[in-house]
Amino acid sequence: MSFSRDRVRPQHGVYALGAFCLGLGLAHLVTEGEGIGTALEAFVICAIALLVVGTGYGLPNRPVSRSGKWRALRLAAAVAGSFALLALAVWLIWALEGDPSEFTFLLAFATSLGSAVGVRGGLHAVEADERLDEARDLTKLLTINQRVLRHNLRNELTVALGTLDRVERRDHGPETDDDVRTARTHLERLVETTDRTREIVSIWNTDRRETFRLRTLVEERAEAVGAAHPETLIATEFDGDPRVRSHPALPTAIEEGIRNAAEHTPSDAAVTVTLSTDRSGAAVVEIADTGAGIPQFDVDAVEGPTETPLVHTQGLGLWIIYWTVETAGGTFELLENEPTGTVVRIALPTVEGS
């Protein structure tokens, strides 16, 4: 029988931790006699255990990611273990002083209290950490859009409007045709920039996830780019066919990476797209070109905490890849190819059983 990670949820772990603490309370009641003091001690332990169970019941409604909830559970277990070790140390001190009593209560109480403090404190800590990360990402996203709207769009519109002004002031002829083509080129760039900016915002605003077979996806995107750039050979290499669960924009992100490589590769060279699985089990897509490489300010903008203050990234396609991979819990890297060119490396967690 295969173990399905999807069936075991973080709240199940919290329930198990609470049940363990509840068992400690009942064990204390059974082993330490029937006195009123023992009953009260057991009641305190069981009450704390029920607090842990109650936290698990409300866990699905907490604004914390699944991985964050697992992290909070690990923190709770670590705190519970630390409290238990502290209780053991206190009991050893008492034992050395000739009073080795109350061991079971001390251990059960400390473990239960540590579990309650750990699970609730851990959730608050993880939630605050994720909110901070979200705020940083949002700041980065707003900075990108602000700079794009202020710089890229304004420049493109200025060129287009200036060209059209010249068209209006003279008779039609060969020069007019050239100006019209120039205007059309810049306006098309403007439309493309607007579309890509909108795509980036939609990635941020969409929580929906889809399951993709990467081999099929890469093959389809490589064929699409190859049809648009027949002068460039696009070679594909596959090692397996992993499945990933990602943002619906993943096909666009993969195509952006391949298209960027095709546009920067000499006509007599090839773009190589490889699909493999690394040691951690993540699916890895590498897109390698032999062109001049991605400008350093584009690399700095994507890999830095915010866009650099003196330059702006021209490669909005890189941001589409970045945000798509980021929301899927993967990693995105820009590496140098040998002897020249760039390698776009995308690593995504795979769906179990793929």
Foldseek 3Di string as FASTA:
>chain_A
DDDAPVVDALLNLLLVLLVVLLVLLVVQCVPVDPDPVSVVLSVLSNVLSVLSNVCSVCVVVQPADRVLSNQLSVQLQVQLVVQLVVLVVVLVVCVVVPHNPPSSSSNSNSSSVSNSCSNVVSSVVSVVVVVVVVVLVVVQLVQQVVCCVVPVLVVLVVLLVVLVVVLVVDDDDPVNVVSVVSNVVSVVVNVVSVVLNVLLVVLVVDPDKDKDFVVVLLVVLLVVLCVVQVLAAEAEEEDDTFMAIFGPCVSVLSNLLQNVQSVFADSVYYWYWYWDADPVRWIKIKIWGAGQEQDVQQQCCLPDSHRDPPDHDPRSSVSSNSSRLVSQVWDWHWAADPPGTIMIMIIGHTRPPD
